[in-house]
N, C-alpha and C. Protein backbone atom coordinates (compact mmCIF):
# COMPACT_ATOMS: atom_id res chain seq x y z
N MET A 1 -6.47 27.67 24.58
CA MET A 1 -6.52 26.49 23.65
C MET A 1 -7.51 25.43 24.30
N ALA A 2 -8.21 24.80 23.39
CA ALA A 2 -9.12 23.82 23.83
C ALA A 2 -8.43 22.50 24.43
N THR A 3 -9.21 21.84 25.39
CA THR A 3 -8.55 20.73 25.94
C THR A 3 -8.17 19.64 24.96
N GLU A 4 -9.03 19.38 24.09
CA GLU A 4 -8.84 18.35 23.06
C GLU A 4 -8.69 18.95 21.74
N THR A 5 -7.47 19.03 21.22
CA THR A 5 -7.19 19.63 19.95
C THR A 5 -7.09 18.45 18.93
N LYS A 6 -7.83 18.55 17.85
CA LYS A 6 -7.78 17.53 16.80
C LYS A 6 -6.78 17.99 15.79
N LEU A 7 -5.78 17.22 15.53
CA LEU A 7 -4.79 17.55 14.46
C LEU A 7 -4.92 16.79 13.25
N SER A 8 -4.49 17.36 12.19
CA SER A 8 -4.35 16.60 10.97
C SER A 8 -3.35 15.46 11.10
N HIS A 9 -3.46 14.57 10.22
CA HIS A 9 -2.41 13.43 10.25
C HIS A 9 -1.02 14.01 10.16
N THR A 10 -0.80 15.03 9.31
CA THR A 10 0.55 15.68 9.08
C THR A 10 1.02 16.23 10.35
N ALA A 11 0.21 17.04 11.06
CA ALA A 11 0.55 17.64 12.35
C ALA A 11 0.85 16.66 13.38
N ALA A 12 0.04 15.65 13.41
CA ALA A 12 0.24 14.54 14.37
C ALA A 12 1.62 13.83 14.19
N MET A 13 1.86 13.56 12.88
CA MET A 13 3.17 12.97 12.54
C MET A 13 4.32 13.86 12.87
N ILE A 14 4.22 15.07 12.75
CA ILE A 14 5.34 16.00 13.09
C ILE A 14 5.49 16.02 14.65
N LEU A 15 4.43 16.04 15.41
CA LEU A 15 4.55 15.96 16.82
C LEU A 15 5.24 14.65 17.27
N GLN A 16 4.84 13.57 16.60
CA GLN A 16 5.38 12.28 16.93
C GLN A 16 6.86 12.23 16.63
N VAL A 17 7.38 12.79 15.63
CA VAL A 17 8.78 12.77 15.32
C VAL A 17 9.57 13.65 16.23
N VAL A 18 8.98 14.83 16.60
CA VAL A 18 9.68 15.73 17.53
C VAL A 18 9.81 15.05 18.81
N ASP A 19 8.69 14.39 19.24
CA ASP A 19 8.77 13.60 20.49
C ASP A 19 9.73 12.49 20.44
N ALA A 20 9.91 11.88 19.30
CA ALA A 20 10.92 10.81 19.14
C ALA A 20 12.40 11.33 19.08
N GLY A 21 12.55 12.63 19.10
CA GLY A 21 13.92 13.14 19.12
C GLY A 21 14.47 13.74 17.81
N TYR A 22 13.61 13.85 16.87
CA TYR A 22 14.01 14.46 15.61
C TYR A 22 13.57 15.96 15.75
N VAL A 23 14.48 16.83 16.17
CA VAL A 23 14.09 18.05 16.78
C VAL A 23 14.37 19.37 15.92
N TYR A 24 14.82 19.19 14.73
CA TYR A 24 14.96 20.31 13.86
C TYR A 24 14.33 20.03 12.55
N GLY A 25 14.03 21.10 11.76
CA GLY A 25 13.29 20.98 10.53
C GLY A 25 13.61 19.91 9.55
N PHE A 26 14.94 19.91 9.23
CA PHE A 26 15.39 18.91 8.08
C PHE A 26 15.31 17.59 8.75
N SER A 27 15.53 17.33 9.93
CA SER A 27 15.39 15.93 10.43
C SER A 27 13.95 15.48 10.45
N VAL A 28 13.05 16.44 10.67
CA VAL A 28 11.63 16.12 10.67
C VAL A 28 11.24 15.74 9.20
N MET A 29 11.72 16.57 8.23
CA MET A 29 11.46 16.23 6.84
C MET A 29 12.01 14.86 6.43
N GLU A 30 13.23 14.55 6.81
CA GLU A 30 13.78 13.27 6.49
C GLU A 30 13.06 12.07 7.03
N LYS A 31 12.63 12.33 8.32
CA LYS A 31 11.91 11.10 8.98
C LYS A 31 10.47 10.96 8.52
N THR A 32 9.82 12.06 8.12
CA THR A 32 8.46 11.94 7.73
C THR A 32 8.27 11.80 6.27
N GLY A 33 9.30 12.22 5.44
CA GLY A 33 9.22 12.20 4.06
C GLY A 33 8.35 13.37 3.42
N LEU A 34 8.07 14.29 4.33
CA LEU A 34 7.21 15.44 3.82
C LEU A 34 8.14 16.51 3.37
N PRO A 35 7.66 17.24 2.37
CA PRO A 35 8.45 18.34 1.79
C PRO A 35 8.49 19.60 2.80
N SER A 36 9.55 20.42 2.56
CA SER A 36 9.60 21.66 3.40
C SER A 36 8.44 22.59 3.41
N GLY A 37 7.68 22.57 2.20
CA GLY A 37 6.57 23.37 2.09
C GLY A 37 5.35 22.94 2.94
N THR A 38 5.48 21.66 3.41
CA THR A 38 4.46 21.20 4.22
C THR A 38 4.90 21.22 5.73
N VAL A 39 6.22 20.92 6.00
CA VAL A 39 6.72 20.76 7.37
C VAL A 39 6.83 22.21 8.08
N TYR A 40 7.38 23.10 7.37
CA TYR A 40 7.67 24.37 8.11
C TYR A 40 6.40 25.16 8.38
N PRO A 41 5.46 25.28 7.44
CA PRO A 41 4.16 25.95 7.81
C PRO A 41 3.47 25.19 8.94
N ALA A 42 3.44 23.86 8.92
CA ALA A 42 2.78 23.07 10.04
C ALA A 42 3.48 23.31 11.29
N MET A 43 4.78 23.37 11.31
CA MET A 43 5.49 23.63 12.58
C MET A 43 5.21 25.05 13.02
N ARG A 44 5.16 25.98 12.18
CA ARG A 44 4.74 27.44 12.62
C ARG A 44 3.33 27.37 13.26
N ARG A 45 2.43 26.63 12.67
CA ARG A 45 1.11 26.56 13.22
C ARG A 45 1.13 25.85 14.59
N LEU A 46 1.87 24.73 14.65
CA LEU A 46 1.98 24.12 15.88
C LEU A 46 2.65 24.97 17.11
N GLU A 47 3.56 25.76 16.63
CA GLU A 47 4.22 26.72 17.58
C GLU A 47 3.21 27.76 18.03
N ARG A 48 2.48 28.33 16.99
CA ARG A 48 1.41 29.40 17.26
C ARG A 48 0.47 28.76 18.22
N ASP A 49 0.00 27.56 18.06
CA ASP A 49 -0.96 26.91 18.98
C ASP A 49 -0.34 26.38 20.31
N GLU A 50 0.93 26.72 20.43
CA GLU A 50 1.63 26.40 21.74
C GLU A 50 1.72 24.90 21.94
N LEU A 51 1.85 24.10 20.91
CA LEU A 51 2.02 22.68 21.03
C LEU A 51 3.54 22.28 21.02
N ILE A 52 4.22 23.17 20.27
CA ILE A 52 5.73 23.08 20.35
C ILE A 52 6.31 24.46 20.58
N LYS A 53 7.50 24.46 21.12
CA LYS A 53 8.30 25.77 21.27
C LYS A 53 9.62 25.53 20.57
N SER A 54 10.29 26.55 20.22
CA SER A 54 11.53 26.50 19.49
C SER A 54 12.64 27.41 20.07
N ASN A 55 13.85 27.09 19.77
CA ASN A 55 14.92 28.03 20.11
C ASN A 55 16.04 27.76 19.07
N TRP A 56 16.79 28.81 18.80
CA TRP A 56 17.93 28.78 17.75
C TRP A 56 19.18 28.23 18.50
N GLU A 57 19.93 27.47 17.93
CA GLU A 57 21.21 27.00 18.48
C GLU A 57 22.19 28.19 18.41
N ALA A 58 23.19 28.05 19.22
CA ALA A 58 24.29 29.15 19.18
C ALA A 58 24.93 29.24 17.93
N GLN A 59 25.19 30.44 17.37
CA GLN A 59 25.92 30.58 16.11
C GLN A 59 27.26 29.88 16.07
N SER A 60 27.89 29.89 17.28
CA SER A 60 29.22 29.25 17.34
C SER A 60 29.20 27.80 17.02
N ILE A 61 28.14 27.06 17.38
CA ILE A 61 28.05 25.67 17.08
C ILE A 61 27.82 25.46 15.60
N ALA A 62 26.97 26.22 15.04
CA ALA A 62 26.77 26.17 13.57
C ALA A 62 27.99 26.43 12.79
N ASP A 63 28.70 27.48 13.25
CA ASP A 63 30.03 27.92 12.62
C ASP A 63 30.98 26.69 12.72
N ALA A 64 31.05 26.08 13.83
CA ALA A 64 31.98 25.02 14.08
C ALA A 64 31.77 23.82 13.08
N GLU A 65 30.49 23.64 12.72
CA GLU A 65 30.07 22.53 11.76
C GLU A 65 29.93 23.08 10.40
N GLN A 66 30.15 24.33 10.19
CA GLN A 66 30.20 25.01 8.87
C GLN A 66 28.81 24.78 8.19
N ARG A 67 27.78 25.19 8.92
CA ARG A 67 26.42 25.23 8.36
C ARG A 67 25.57 26.28 8.98
N PRO A 68 24.42 26.56 8.46
CA PRO A 68 23.51 27.57 9.05
C PRO A 68 23.09 27.10 10.44
N PRO A 69 22.70 28.07 11.35
CA PRO A 69 22.16 27.60 12.63
C PRO A 69 20.85 26.83 12.54
N ARG A 70 20.65 25.89 13.41
CA ARG A 70 19.29 25.15 13.36
C ARG A 70 18.33 25.73 14.46
N LYS A 71 17.11 25.53 14.05
CA LYS A 71 16.12 25.93 15.05
C LYS A 71 15.54 24.67 15.67
N TYR A 72 15.74 24.45 16.93
CA TYR A 72 15.35 23.18 17.55
C TYR A 72 13.95 23.33 18.13
N TYR A 73 13.13 22.26 18.04
CA TYR A 73 11.82 22.26 18.47
C TYR A 73 11.63 21.24 19.69
N LYS A 74 10.65 21.55 20.55
CA LYS A 74 10.37 20.66 21.73
C LYS A 74 8.91 20.75 21.95
N LEU A 75 8.31 19.64 22.37
CA LEU A 75 6.91 19.54 22.66
C LEU A 75 6.70 20.36 24.00
N THR A 76 5.58 21.09 24.03
CA THR A 76 5.16 21.65 25.28
C THR A 76 4.34 20.55 26.03
N ARG A 77 3.86 20.94 27.22
CA ARG A 77 3.01 20.11 28.00
C ARG A 77 1.74 19.90 27.17
N ALA A 78 1.12 20.90 26.71
CA ALA A 78 -0.13 20.82 25.78
C ALA A 78 0.16 19.93 24.65
N GLY A 79 1.40 20.05 24.05
CA GLY A 79 1.75 19.23 22.90
C GLY A 79 1.82 17.79 23.11
N LYS A 80 2.23 17.49 24.35
CA LYS A 80 2.35 16.00 24.77
C LYS A 80 0.95 15.43 24.97
N VAL A 81 -0.01 16.31 25.55
CA VAL A 81 -1.29 15.81 25.81
C VAL A 81 -2.00 15.62 24.47
N THR A 82 -1.78 16.59 23.55
CA THR A 82 -2.37 16.53 22.21
C THR A 82 -1.87 15.32 21.39
N LEU A 83 -0.62 15.13 21.60
CA LEU A 83 0.02 13.90 20.89
C LEU A 83 -0.56 12.62 21.40
N GLU A 84 -0.83 12.60 22.70
CA GLU A 84 -1.44 11.27 23.18
C GLU A 84 -2.82 11.11 22.64
N ALA A 85 -3.60 12.19 22.56
CA ALA A 85 -4.89 12.05 21.91
C ALA A 85 -4.84 11.70 20.49
N SER A 86 -3.88 12.20 19.81
CA SER A 86 -3.59 11.92 18.36
C SER A 86 -3.28 10.43 18.13
N ARG A 87 -2.52 9.92 19.03
CA ARG A 87 -2.07 8.45 18.98
C ARG A 87 -3.36 7.63 19.02
N LYS A 88 -4.38 8.09 19.72
CA LYS A 88 -5.61 7.37 19.86
C LYS A 88 -6.38 7.47 18.59
N ARG A 89 -6.43 8.71 18.03
CA ARG A 89 -7.09 8.97 16.78
C ARG A 89 -6.53 8.35 15.56
N TYR A 90 -5.16 8.35 15.55
CA TYR A 90 -4.37 7.77 14.44
C TYR A 90 -3.55 6.53 15.03
N PRO A 91 -4.17 5.40 15.15
CA PRO A 91 -3.47 4.23 15.79
C PRO A 91 -2.15 3.70 15.01
N LEU A 92 -2.14 3.98 13.73
CA LEU A 92 -0.87 3.60 13.09
C LEU A 92 0.25 4.60 13.25
N LEU A 93 0.01 5.73 13.86
CA LEU A 93 1.02 6.73 14.01
C LEU A 93 2.31 6.25 14.61
N ALA A 94 2.16 5.45 15.75
CA ALA A 94 3.26 4.93 16.45
C ALA A 94 4.07 3.92 15.61
N HIS A 95 3.42 3.30 14.64
CA HIS A 95 4.13 2.38 13.78
C HIS A 95 4.87 3.08 12.68
N LEU A 96 4.33 4.19 12.23
CA LEU A 96 5.08 4.95 11.22
C LEU A 96 6.36 5.55 11.81
N VAL A 97 6.26 6.21 12.94
CA VAL A 97 7.39 6.85 13.65
C VAL A 97 7.34 6.42 15.12
N PRO A 98 8.15 5.38 15.41
CA PRO A 98 8.18 4.87 16.82
C PRO A 98 8.60 6.01 17.77
N ALA A 99 7.99 5.94 18.95
CA ALA A 99 8.30 6.95 20.03
C ALA A 99 9.77 6.79 20.43
N ALA A 100 10.21 7.80 21.12
CA ALA A 100 11.64 7.94 21.51
C ALA A 100 12.10 6.66 22.32
N GLN A 101 12.94 5.94 21.78
CA GLN A 101 13.49 4.77 22.48
C GLN A 101 14.99 4.51 22.03
N GLU A 102 15.22 4.96 20.82
CA GLU A 102 16.56 4.78 20.24
C GLU A 102 17.16 6.20 19.91
N GLU A 103 18.45 6.22 19.75
CA GLU A 103 19.04 7.47 19.44
C GLU A 103 18.72 7.93 17.97
N PRO A 104 18.28 9.17 17.84
CA PRO A 104 17.92 9.64 16.52
C PRO A 104 19.23 9.77 15.63
N VAL A 105 19.01 9.68 14.37
CA VAL A 105 20.12 9.62 13.40
C VAL A 105 20.48 11.04 13.14
């Protein structure tokens, strides 16, 4: 992967919200206002490019909450570097989705 990856505004916004603690698909959709048809393909590309990684929660946790299992996402080291570059490219990004400081909803 190149040292400086230029992301679309959508991809940068997704990295920003994952970094802020919104770590599964539906929470990313709620925070960004983007539809699933935009979020999930973008997250697959970000994972393919090794900017985020994912893991499924235990089935027992989902069963206890009577819902399907969630796939949780986390920024990789390359993702954090790319996000920092994106914050410089898109200065309003931090205003749209503040960095992790408060507990996610």
